[in-house]
């Protein structure tokens, strides 16, 4: 290990701050930031390459850095003093571990699907927190893949990683255009159900999710584009009984995905 980094103006510290704040830096360097033992360990188990591990010994009270470095002798471990680490710590109560990792940029044709795939598609997702929450749902439900179309946020945004507790690493995730995703789904003959508040929409639990299915979610503000509405096999809706006409997209995604899982495990449900 090299000498500890004690200056908050150290070039390593400055670069981590740039990577945390700016997706352009993450893309140009092909590097992103992971904070926390749980997230870093999940990334490693999922095959994400860790280039550098920054450790604050005063905060790493359980010596988790030694456990991580033992799993990957190839990564560089750099010790950081408490004052310098405070500059790059992204969360309160940090455990003193931050890693720089190489993103896994999967393509549609690289996805490994089951014989009866269940896929979640997000169009123009804006909020990293919502993306992270949806990744937790995807992991919990064991779906085949998440496809992020025309994204307005970087899937490796630190907030997405944190709110998803590292599930961005445990799921297959692809970013692409809506046009590419629609063509791919058609070629594989996967049914497309678009969540949309339209006159044609059918209550979600009246649909059959048992076959190869893609559930498409749009933004809370504008919903899905016409491209997805026209290309879908059906439009589905979660009925609202209160004054609200919609729910948070991550909550809606969880409702729809777990209905699909329920049908696949127990039958078609109420029709």
C-alpha atoms as a PDB file:
ATOM      1  CA  UNK A   1       0.000   0.000   0.000  1.00  0.00           C
ATOM      2  CA  UNK A   2       1.226   3.521  -0.795  1.00  0.00           C
ATOM      3  CA  UNK A   3       1.538   6.370   1.712  1.00  0.00           C
ATOM      4  CA  UNK A   4      -1.820   7.607   3.017  1.00  0.00           C
ATOM      5  CA  UNK A   5      -3.611  10.377   1.128  1.00  0.00           C
ATOM      6  CA  UNK A   6      -4.164  13.142   3.661  1.00  0.00           C
ATOM      7  CA  UNK A   7      -4.801  16.195   1.526  1.00  0.00           C
ATOM      8  CA  UNK A   8      -8.380  16.898   0.368  1.00  0.00           C
ATOM      9  CA  UNK A   9      -6.828  18.540  -2.714  1.00  0.00           C
ATOM     10  CA  UNK A  10      -4.964  15.382  -3.726  1.00  0.00           C
ATOM     11  CA  UNK A  11      -5.486  14.566  -7.459  1.00  0.00           C
ATOM     12  CA  UNK A  12      -7.087  11.201  -6.559  1.00  0.00           C
ATOM     13  CA  UNK A  13      -9.609  12.937  -4.326  1.00  0.00           C
ATOM     14  CA  UNK A  14     -10.396  15.553  -6.958  1.00  0.00           C
ATOM     15  CA  UNK A  15     -10.918  12.895  -9.604  1.00  0.00           C
ATOM     16  CA  UNK A  16     -13.307  10.903  -7.408  1.00  0.00           C
ATOM     17  CA  UNK A  17     -15.358  14.055  -6.867  1.00  0.00           C
ATOM     18  CA  UNK A  18     -15.536  14.612 -10.622  1.00  0.00           C
ATOM     19  CA  UNK A  19     -16.595  11.015 -11.196  1.00  0.00           C
ATOM     20  CA  UNK A  20     -19.310  11.291  -8.564  1.00  0.00           C
ATOM     21  CA  UNK A  21     -20.702  14.524  -9.962  1.00  0.00           C
ATOM     22  CA  UNK A  22     -20.431  14.186 -13.711  1.00  0.00           C
ATOM     23  CA  UNK A  23     -21.558  11.391 -16.025  1.00  0.00           C
ATOM     24  CA  UNK A  24     -19.328  12.786 -18.790  1.00  0.00           C
ATOM     25  CA  UNK A  25     -16.260  12.086 -16.663  1.00  0.00           C
ATOM     26  CA  UNK A  26     -17.540   8.589 -15.884  1.00  0.00           C
ATOM     27  CA  UNK A  27     -18.045   7.906 -19.580  1.00  0.00           C
ATOM     28  CA  UNK A  28     -14.778   9.437 -20.761  1.00  0.00           C
ATOM     29  CA  UNK A  29     -12.722   7.545 -18.166  1.00  0.00           C
ATOM     30  CA  UNK A  30     -14.908   4.414 -18.336  1.00  0.00           C
ATOM     31  CA  UNK A  31     -14.902   4.397 -14.540  1.00  0.00           C
ATOM     32  CA  UNK A  32     -17.554   4.871 -11.869  1.00  0.00           C
ATOM     33  CA  UNK A  33     -17.612   5.155  -8.083  1.00  0.00           C
ATOM     34  CA  UNK A  34     -19.006   2.671  -5.564  1.00  0.00           C
ATOM     35  CA  UNK A  35     -19.218   3.498  -1.869  1.00  0.00           C
ATOM     36  CA  UNK A  36     -19.768   0.998   0.909  1.00  0.00           C
ATOM     37  CA  UNK A  37     -18.794  -2.587   1.667  1.00  0.00           C
ATOM     38  CA  UNK A  38     -22.166  -4.087   0.727  1.00  0.00           C
ATOM     39  CA  UNK A  39     -22.251  -2.436  -2.694  1.00  0.00           C
ATOM     40  CA  UNK A  40     -18.567  -3.090  -3.446  1.00  0.00           C
ATOM     41  CA  UNK A  41     -18.791  -6.743  -2.443  1.00  0.00           C
ATOM     42  CA  UNK A  42     -21.916  -7.231  -4.575  1.00  0.00           C
ATOM     43  CA  UNK A  43     -20.121  -5.670  -7.516  1.00  0.00           C
ATOM     44  CA  UNK A  44     -17.169  -8.018  -7.061  1.00  0.00           C
ATOM     45  CA  UNK A  45     -19.362 -11.109  -6.752  1.00  0.00           C
ATOM     46  CA  UNK A  46     -21.137 -10.048  -9.959  1.00  0.00           C
ATOM     47  CA  UNK A  47     -17.872  -9.829 -11.885  1.00  0.00           C
ATOM     48  CA  UNK A  48     -17.421  -6.047 -11.908  1.00  0.00           C
ATOM     49  CA  UNK A  49     -13.734  -5.144 -12.217  1.00  0.00           C
ATOM     50  CA  UNK A  50     -12.497  -2.995  -9.322  1.00  0.00           C
ATOM     51  CA  UNK A  51      -9.512  -0.864 -10.286  1.00  0.00           C
ATOM     52  CA  UNK A  52      -8.858   0.998  -7.033  1.00  0.00           C
ATOM     53  CA  UNK A  53     -10.053   0.665  -3.453  1.00  0.00           C
ATOM     54  CA  UNK A  54      -9.808   3.715  -1.176  1.00  0.00           C
ATOM     55  CA  UNK A  55      -9.763   2.920   2.533  1.00  0.00           C
ATOM     56  CA  UNK A  56     -10.078   5.104   5.611  1.00  0.00           C
ATOM     57  CA  UNK A  57      -8.746   2.906   8.423  1.00  0.00           C
ATOM     58  CA  UNK A  58     -10.436   4.988  11.122  1.00  0.00           C
ATOM     59  CA  UNK A  59     -13.854   4.281   9.588  1.00  0.00           C
ATOM     60  CA  UNK A  60     -13.199   0.725   8.408  1.00  0.00           C
ATOM     61  CA  UNK A  61     -13.567  -0.616  11.927  1.00  0.00           C
ATOM     62  CA  UNK A  62     -14.337  -4.178  10.833  1.00  0.00           C
ATOM     63  CA  UNK A  63     -11.325  -4.347   8.520  1.00  0.00           C
ATOM     64  CA  UNK A  64     -13.566  -5.071   5.571  1.00  0.00           C
ATOM     65  CA  UNK A  65     -10.912  -3.659   3.230  1.00  0.00           C
ATOM     66  CA  UNK A  66      -8.683  -6.627   4.004  1.00  0.00           C
ATOM     67  CA  UNK A  67     -11.500  -9.008   3.100  1.00  0.00           C
ATOM     68  CA  UNK A  68     -12.088  -7.224  -0.206  1.00  0.00           C
ATOM     69  CA  UNK A  69      -8.412  -6.979  -1.122  1.00  0.00           C
ATOM     70  CA  UNK A  70      -7.964 -10.680  -0.374  1.00  0.00           C
ATOM     71  CA  UNK A  71     -10.649 -11.468  -2.956  1.00  0.00           C
ATOM     72  CA  UNK A  72      -8.945  -9.403  -5.657  1.00  0.00           C
ATOM     73  CA  UNK A  73      -5.187  -9.076  -5.465  1.00  0.00           C
ATOM     74  CA  UNK A  74      -5.152  -7.142  -8.712  1.00  0.00           C
ATOM     75  CA  UNK A  75      -6.803  -3.960  -7.493  1.00  0.00           C
ATOM     76  CA  UNK A  76      -4.773  -1.108  -6.064  1.00  0.00           C
ATOM     77  CA  UNK A  77      -5.516  -0.272  -2.432  1.00  0.00           C
ATOM     78  CA  UNK A  78      -4.953   3.315  -1.307  1.00  0.00           C
ATOM     79  CA  UNK A  79      -5.235   4.512   2.273  1.00  0.00           C
ATOM     80  CA  UNK A  80      -6.987   7.836   2.853  1.00  0.00           C
ATOM     81  CA  UNK A  81      -6.900   9.983   5.992  1.00  0.00           C
ATOM     82  CA  UNK A  82     -10.169  10.864   7.691  1.00  0.00           C
ATOM     83  CA  UNK A  83     -10.242  14.512   6.600  1.00  0.00           C
ATOM     84  CA  UNK A  84      -9.549  13.647   2.962  1.00  0.00           C
ATOM     85  CA  UNK A  85     -12.058  10.788   3.016  1.00  0.00           C
ATOM     86  CA  UNK A  86     -14.738  13.136   4.338  1.00  0.00           C
ATOM     87  CA  UNK A  87     -14.498  15.004   1.031  1.00  0.00           C
ATOM     88  CA  UNK A  88     -15.405  11.945  -1.034  1.00  0.00           C
ATOM     89  CA  UNK A  89     -17.769  10.124   1.331  1.00  0.00           C
ATOM     90  CA  UNK A  90     -21.154  10.223  -0.360  1.00  0.00           C
ATOM     91  CA  UNK A  91     -23.306   9.056   2.532  1.00  0.00           C
ATOM     92  CA  UNK A  92     -23.642   9.681   6.235  1.00  0.00           C
ATOM     93  CA  UNK A  93     -22.102   7.050   8.456  1.00  0.00           C
ATOM     94  CA  UNK A  94     -19.668   5.911   5.777  1.00  0.00           C
ATOM     95  CA  UNK A  95     -17.843   2.651   6.459  1.00  0.00           C
ATOM     96  CA  UNK A  96     -14.619   4.036   4.987  1.00  0.00           C
ATOM     97  CA  UNK A  97     -14.634   2.178   1.672  1.00  0.00           C
ATOM     98  CA  UNK A  98     -14.854   3.662  -1.815  1.00  0.00           C
ATOM     99  CA  UNK A  99     -13.994   1.847  -5.038  1.00  0.00           C
ATOM    100  CA  UNK A 100     -13.401   2.856  -8.635  1.00  0.00           C
ATOM    101  CA  UNK A 101     -14.835   0.258 -10.990  1.00  0.00           C
ATOM    102  CA  UNK A 102     -15.205  -0.467 -14.699  1.00  0.00           C
ATOM    103  CA  UNK A 103     -18.813  -0.378 -15.962  1.00  0.00           C
ATOM    104  CA  UNK A 104     -20.327  -3.446 -17.574  1.00  0.00           C
ATOM    105  CA  UNK A 105     -21.809  -2.211 -20.841  1.00  0.00           C
ATOM    106  CA  UNK A 106     -24.043  -5.043 -21.998  1.00  0.00           C
ATOM    107  CA  UNK A 107     -25.703  -5.012 -25.412  1.00  0.00           C
ATOM    108  CA  UNK A 108     -29.142  -6.379 -26.226  1.00  0.00           C
ATOM    109  CA  UNK A 109     -27.719  -9.332 -28.131  1.00  0.00           C
ATOM    110  CA  UNK A 110     -25.539 -10.207 -25.125  1.00  0.00           C
ATOM    111  CA  UNK A 111     -28.449 -10.706 -22.726  1.00  0.00           C
ATOM    112  CA  UNK A 112     -28.866 -14.241 -21.450  1.00  0.00           C
ATOM    113  CA  UNK A 113     -32.589 -14.908 -21.271  1.00  0.00           C
ATOM    114  CA  UNK A 114     -34.546 -17.774 -19.816  1.00  0.00           C
ATOM    115  CA  UNK A 115     -36.912 -19.813 -22.001  1.00  0.00           C
ATOM    116  CA  UNK A 116     -39.793 -17.708 -20.665  1.00  0.00           C
ATOM    117  CA  UNK A 117     -38.291 -14.264 -20.072  1.00  0.00           C
ATOM    118  CA  UNK A 118     -39.750 -11.455 -17.982  1.00  0.00           C
ATOM    119  CA  UNK A 119     -38.209  -8.093 -18.836  1.00  0.00           C
ATOM    120  CA  UNK A 120     -38.726  -4.627 -17.393  1.00  0.00           C
ATOM    121  CA  UNK A 121     -38.251  -1.645 -19.697  1.00  0.00           C
ATOM    122  CA  UNK A 122     -37.841   1.941 -18.493  1.00  0.00           C
ATOM    123  CA  UNK A 123     -38.180   4.786 -20.952  1.00  0.00           C
ATOM    124  CA  UNK A 124     -36.370   8.067 -20.228  1.00  0.00           C
ATOM    125  CA  UNK A 125     -35.984   7.413 -16.504  1.00  0.00           C
ATOM    126  CA  UNK A 126     -34.952  10.680 -14.865  1.00  0.00           C
ATOM    127  CA  UNK A 127     -34.357  10.168 -11.155  1.00  0.00           C
ATOM    128  CA  UNK A 128     -31.425   8.018 -10.009  1.00  0.00           C
ATOM    129  CA  UNK A 129     -33.303   7.152  -6.806  1.00  0.00           C
ATOM    130  CA  UNK A 130     -36.198   5.694  -8.790  1.00  0.00           C
ATOM    131  CA  UNK A 131     -33.813   3.712 -10.975  1.00  0.00           C
ATOM    132  CA  UNK A 132     -32.101   2.278  -7.917  1.00  0.00           C
ATOM    133  CA  UNK A 133     -35.405   1.333  -6.283  1.00  0.00           C
ATOM    134  CA  UNK A 134     -36.523  -0.391  -9.487  1.00  0.00           C
ATOM    135  CA  UNK A 135     -33.278  -2.364  -9.598  1.00  0.00           C
ATOM    136  CA  UNK A 136     -34.032  -3.656  -6.099  1.00  0.00           C
ATOM    137  CA  UNK A 137     -37.416  -4.835  -7.349  1.00  0.00           C
ATOM    138  CA  UNK A 138     -35.829  -6.471 -10.395  1.00  0.00           C
ATOM    139  CA  UNK A 139     -33.363  -8.319  -8.191  1.00  0.00           C
ATOM    140  CA  UNK A 140     -36.021  -9.387  -5.680  1.00  0.00           C
ATOM    141  CA  UNK A 141     -38.343 -10.657  -8.418  1.00  0.00           C
ATOM    142  CA  UNK A 142     -35.576 -12.456 -10.283  1.00  0.00           C
ATOM    143  CA  UNK A 143     -36.532 -11.001 -13.662  1.00  0.00           C
ATOM    144  CA  UNK A 144     -34.335 -11.633 -16.687  1.00  0.00           C
ATOM    145  CA  UNK A 145     -33.236  -8.104 -17.513  1.00  0.00           C
ATOM    146  CA  UNK A 146     -33.857  -4.389 -17.188  1.00  0.00           C
ATOM    147  CA  UNK A 147     -33.643  -2.313 -20.368  1.00  0.00           C
ATOM    148  CA  UNK A 148     -33.231   1.434 -19.923  1.00  0.00           C
ATOM    149  CA  UNK A 149     -34.286   3.233 -23.109  1.00  0.00           C
ATOM    150  CA  UNK A 150     -33.204   6.780 -23.937  1.00  0.00           C
ATOM    151  CA  UNK A 151     -32.036   7.350 -20.343  1.00  0.00           C
ATOM    152  CA  UNK A 152     -31.951  10.804 -18.802  1.00  0.00           C
ATOM    153  CA  UNK A 153     -29.800   9.590 -15.938  1.00  0.00           C
ATOM    154  CA  UNK A 154     -26.658   7.473 -15.879  1.00  0.00           C
ATOM    155  CA  UNK A 155     -27.266   3.954 -14.573  1.00  0.00           C
ATOM    156  CA  UNK A 156     -23.974   4.265 -12.661  1.00  0.00           C
ATOM    157  CA  UNK A 157     -24.983   7.496 -10.945  1.00  0.00           C
ATOM    158  CA  UNK A 158     -23.906   7.202  -7.260  1.00  0.00           C
ATOM    159  CA  UNK A 159     -27.505   7.787  -6.105  1.00  0.00           C
ATOM    160  CA  UNK A 160     -28.742   4.937  -8.308  1.00  0.00           C
ATOM    161  CA  UNK A 161     -26.128   2.586  -6.879  1.00  0.00           C
ATOM    162  CA  UNK A 162     -26.858   3.656  -3.301  1.00  0.00           C
ATOM    163  CA  UNK A 163     -30.670   3.492  -3.519  1.00  0.00           C
ATOM    164  CA  UNK A 164     -30.394   0.156  -5.314  1.00  0.00           C
ATOM    165  CA  UNK A 165     -28.031  -1.228  -2.629  1.00  0.00           C
ATOM    166  CA  UNK A 166     -25.839  -2.624  -5.380  1.00  0.00           C
ATOM    167  CA  UNK A 167     -28.597  -4.441  -7.281  1.00  0.00           C
ATOM    168  CA  UNK A 168     -27.458  -2.665 -10.450  1.00  0.00           C
ATOM    169  CA  UNK A 169     -24.676  -5.259 -10.382  1.00  0.00           C
ATOM    170  CA  UNK A 170     -26.805  -8.336  -9.728  1.00  0.00           C
ATOM    171  CA  UNK A 171     -29.200  -7.742 -12.642  1.00  0.00           C
ATOM    172  CA  UNK A 172     -28.589  -7.708 -16.372  1.00  0.00           C
ATOM    173  CA  UNK A 173     -28.986  -4.066 -17.445  1.00  0.00           C
ATOM    174  CA  UNK A 174     -28.824  -2.637 -20.968  1.00  0.00           C
ATOM    175  CA  UNK A 175     -29.145   0.951 -22.168  1.00  0.00           C
ATOM    176  CA  UNK A 176     -30.311   1.552 -25.731  1.00  0.00           C
ATOM    177  CA  UNK A 177     -32.786   3.530 -27.810  1.00  0.00           C
ATOM    178  CA  UNK A 178     -36.504   2.736 -27.755  1.00  0.00           C
ATOM    179  CA  UNK A 179     -36.321   1.849 -31.433  1.00  0.00           C
ATOM    180  CA  UNK A 180     -33.574  -0.716 -30.805  1.00  0.00           C
ATOM    181  CA  UNK A 181     -35.499  -2.263 -27.919  1.00  0.00           C
ATOM    182  CA  UNK A 182     -38.750  -2.503 -29.893  1.00  0.00           C
ATOM    183  CA  UNK A 183     -37.031  -4.190 -32.840  1.00  0.00           C
ATOM    184  CA  UNK A 184     -35.290  -6.637 -30.502  1.00  0.00           C
ATOM    185  CA  UNK A 185     -38.532  -7.532 -28.713  1.00  0.00           C
ATOM    186  CA  UNK A 186     -40.326  -8.116 -32.009  1.00  0.00           C
ATOM    187  CA  UNK A 187     -37.592 -10.424 -33.263  1.00  0.00           C
ATOM    188  CA  UNK A 188     -37.833 -12.511 -30.097  1.00  0.00           C
ATOM    189  CA  UNK A 189     -41.655 -12.425 -30.164  1.00  0.00           C
ATOM    190  CA  UNK A 190     -41.876 -11.057 -26.637  1.00  0.00           C
ATOM    191  CA  UNK A 191     -45.233  -9.512 -25.751  1.00  0.00           C
ATOM    192  CA  UNK A 192     -45.096  -5.862 -24.777  1.00  0.00           C
ATOM    193  CA  UNK A 193     -47.400  -4.466 -22.088  1.00  0.00           C
ATOM    194  CA  UNK A 194     -47.175  -0.689 -21.774  1.00  0.00           C
ATOM    195  CA  UNK A 195     -48.191   0.918 -18.490  1.00  0.00           C
ATOM    196  CA  UNK A 196     -50.194   3.928 -19.642  1.00  0.00           C
ATOM    197  CA  UNK A 197     -53.160   6.032 -18.584  1.00  0.00           C
ATOM    198  CA  UNK A 198     -55.200   5.695 -21.790  1.00  0.00           C
ATOM    199  CA  UNK A 199     -58.752   4.788 -22.779  1.00  0.00           C
ATOM    200  CA  UNK A 200     -57.470   1.461 -24.120  1.00  0.00           C
ATOM    201  CA  UNK A 201     -55.731   0.476 -20.899  1.00  0.00           C
ATOM    202  CA  UNK A 202     -56.785  -2.787 -19.222  1.00  0.00           C
ATOM    203  CA  UNK A 203     -56.520  -3.391 -15.470  1.00  0.00           C
ATOM    204  CA  UNK A 204     -53.140  -5.032 -14.950  1.00  0.00           C
ATOM    205  CA  UNK A 205     -54.274  -8.189 -13.162  1.00  0.00           C
ATOM    206  CA  UNK A 206     -56.616  -9.001 -16.045  1.00  0.00           C
ATOM    207  CA  UNK A 207     -53.649  -9.519 -18.348  1.00  0.00           C
ATOM    208  CA  UNK A 208     -51.795 -12.778 -18.891  1.00  0.00           C
ATOM    209  CA  UNK A 209     -48.139 -12.384 -17.918  1.00  0.00           C
ATOM    210  CA  UNK A 210     -47.281 -16.081 -18.078  1.00  0.00           C
ATOM    211  CA  UNK A 211     -45.580 -16.054 -21.485  1.00  0.00           C
ATOM    212  CA  UNK A 212     -42.498 -14.121 -22.620  1.00  0.00           C
ATOM    213  CA  UNK A 213     -43.325 -10.592 -21.484  1.00  0.00           C
ATOM    214  CA  UNK A 214     -41.873  -7.096 -21.363  1.00  0.00           C
ATOM    215  CA  UNK A 215     -43.445  -4.517 -19.034  1.00  0.00           C
ATOM    216  CA  UNK A 216     -42.755  -0.952 -20.149  1.00  0.00           C
ATOM    217  CA  UNK A 217     -42.771   1.999 -17.752  1.00  0.00           C
ATOM    218  CA  UNK A 218     -42.541   5.702 -18.613  1.00  0.00           C
ATOM    219  CA  UNK A 219     -41.844   8.822 -16.599  1.00  0.00           C
ATOM    220  CA  UNK A 220     -44.279  10.101 -13.991  1.00  0.00           C
ATOM    221  CA  UNK A 221     -44.440  13.497 -15.676  1.00  0.00           C
ATOM    222  CA  UNK A 222     -45.124  12.559 -19.304  1.00  0.00           C
ATOM    223  CA  UNK A 223     -45.698   8.799 -19.364  1.00  0.00           C
ATOM    224  CA  UNK A 224     -44.687   6.682 -22.335  1.00  0.00           C
ATOM    225  CA  UNK A 225     -43.917   8.005 -25.790  1.00  0.00           C
ATOM    226  CA  UNK A 226     -46.243   7.308 -28.711  1.00  0.00           C
ATOM    227  CA  UNK A 227     -43.572   4.976 -30.086  1.00  0.00           C
ATOM    228  CA  UNK A 228     -44.134   2.545 -27.224  1.00  0.00           C
ATOM    229  CA  UNK A 229     -47.916   2.949 -27.178  1.00  0.00           C
ATOM    230  CA  UNK A 230     -48.171   2.097 -30.864  1.00  0.00           C
ATOM    231  CA  UNK A 231     -45.746  -0.823 -30.581  1.00  0.00           C
ATOM    232  CA  UNK A 232     -47.284  -2.425 -27.501  1.00  0.00           C
ATOM    233  CA  UNK A 233     -49.478  -5.509 -27.616  1.00  0.00           C
ATOM    234  CA  UNK A 234     -51.643  -4.029 -24.859  1.00  0.00           C
ATOM    235  CA  UNK A 235     -51.768  -1.076 -22.498  1.00  0.00           C
ATOM    236  CA  UNK A 236     -52.224  -1.737 -18.796  1.00  0.00           C
ATOM    237  CA  UNK A 237     -53.221   0.353 -15.820  1.00  0.00           C
ATOM    238  CA  UNK A 238     -53.176   0.149 -12.026  1.00  0.00           C
ATOM    239  CA  UNK A 239     -56.605   1.435 -10.917  1.00  0.00           C
ATOM    240  CA  UNK A 240     -56.519   4.353  -8.474  1.00  0.00           C
ATOM    241  CA  UNK A 241     -59.181   4.652  -5.754  1.00  0.00           C
ATOM    242  CA  UNK A 242     -58.030   7.959  -4.290  1.00  0.00           C
ATOM    243  CA  UNK A 243     -57.517  11.427  -5.733  1.00  0.00           C
ATOM    244  CA  UNK A 244     -54.103  10.556  -7.184  1.00  0.00           C
ATOM    245  CA  UNK A 245     -54.038   9.430 -10.808  1.00  0.00           C
ATOM    246  CA  UNK A 246     -50.615   7.774 -10.593  1.00  0.00           C
ATOM    247  CA  UNK A 247     -47.985   6.365  -8.243  1.00  0.00           C
ATOM    248  CA  UNK A 248     -44.232   6.685  -8.090  1.00  0.00           C
ATOM    249  CA  UNK A 249     -42.757   4.776 -11.035  1.00  0.00           C
ATOM    250  CA  UNK A 250     -40.721   2.491  -8.787  1.00  0.00           C
ATOM    251  CA  UNK A 251     -43.844   1.562  -6.791  1.00  0.00           C
ATOM    252  CA  UNK A 252     -45.842   0.951  -9.970  1.00  0.00           C
ATOM    253  CA  UNK A 253     -43.049  -1.200 -11.386  1.00  0.00           C
ATOM    254  CA  UNK A 254     -43.052  -3.338  -8.232  1.00  0.00           C
ATOM    255  CA  UNK A 255     -46.827  -3.874  -8.421  1.00  0.00           C
ATOM    256  CA  UNK A 256     -46.716  -4.960 -12.075  1.00  0.00           C
ATOM    257  CA  UNK A 257     -43.600  -7.097 -11.835  1.00  0.00           C
ATOM    258  CA  UNK A 258     -44.792  -9.037  -8.813  1.00  0.00           C
ATOM    259  CA  UNK A 259     -48.197  -9.622 -10.398  1.00  0.00           C
ATOM    260  CA  UNK A 260     -46.342 -11.185 -13.308  1.00  0.00           C
ATOM    261  CA  UNK A 261     -44.293 -13.294 -10.904  1.00  0.00           C
ATOM    262  CA  UNK A 262     -47.429 -14.351  -9.011  1.00  0.00           C
ATOM    263  CA  UNK A 263     -49.176 -15.465 -12.191  1.00  0.00           C
ATOM    264  CA  UNK A 264     -46.176 -17.429 -13.334  1.00  0.00           C
ATOM    265  CA  UNK A 265     -45.953 -19.234 -10.009  1.00  0.00           C
ATOM    266  CA  UNK A 266     -49.649 -19.714  -9.213  1.00  0.00           C
ATOM    267  CA  UNK A 267     -51.712 -19.365 -12.406  1.00  0.00           C
ATOM    268  CA  UNK A 268     -53.369 -16.591 -14.341  1.00  0.00           C
ATOM    269  CA  UNK A 269     -55.245 -14.981 -11.472  1.00  0.00           C
ATOM    270  CA  UNK A 270     -58.528 -13.094 -11.742  1.00  0.00           C
ATOM    271  CA  UNK A 271     -59.877 -12.670 -15.260  1.00  0.00           C
END
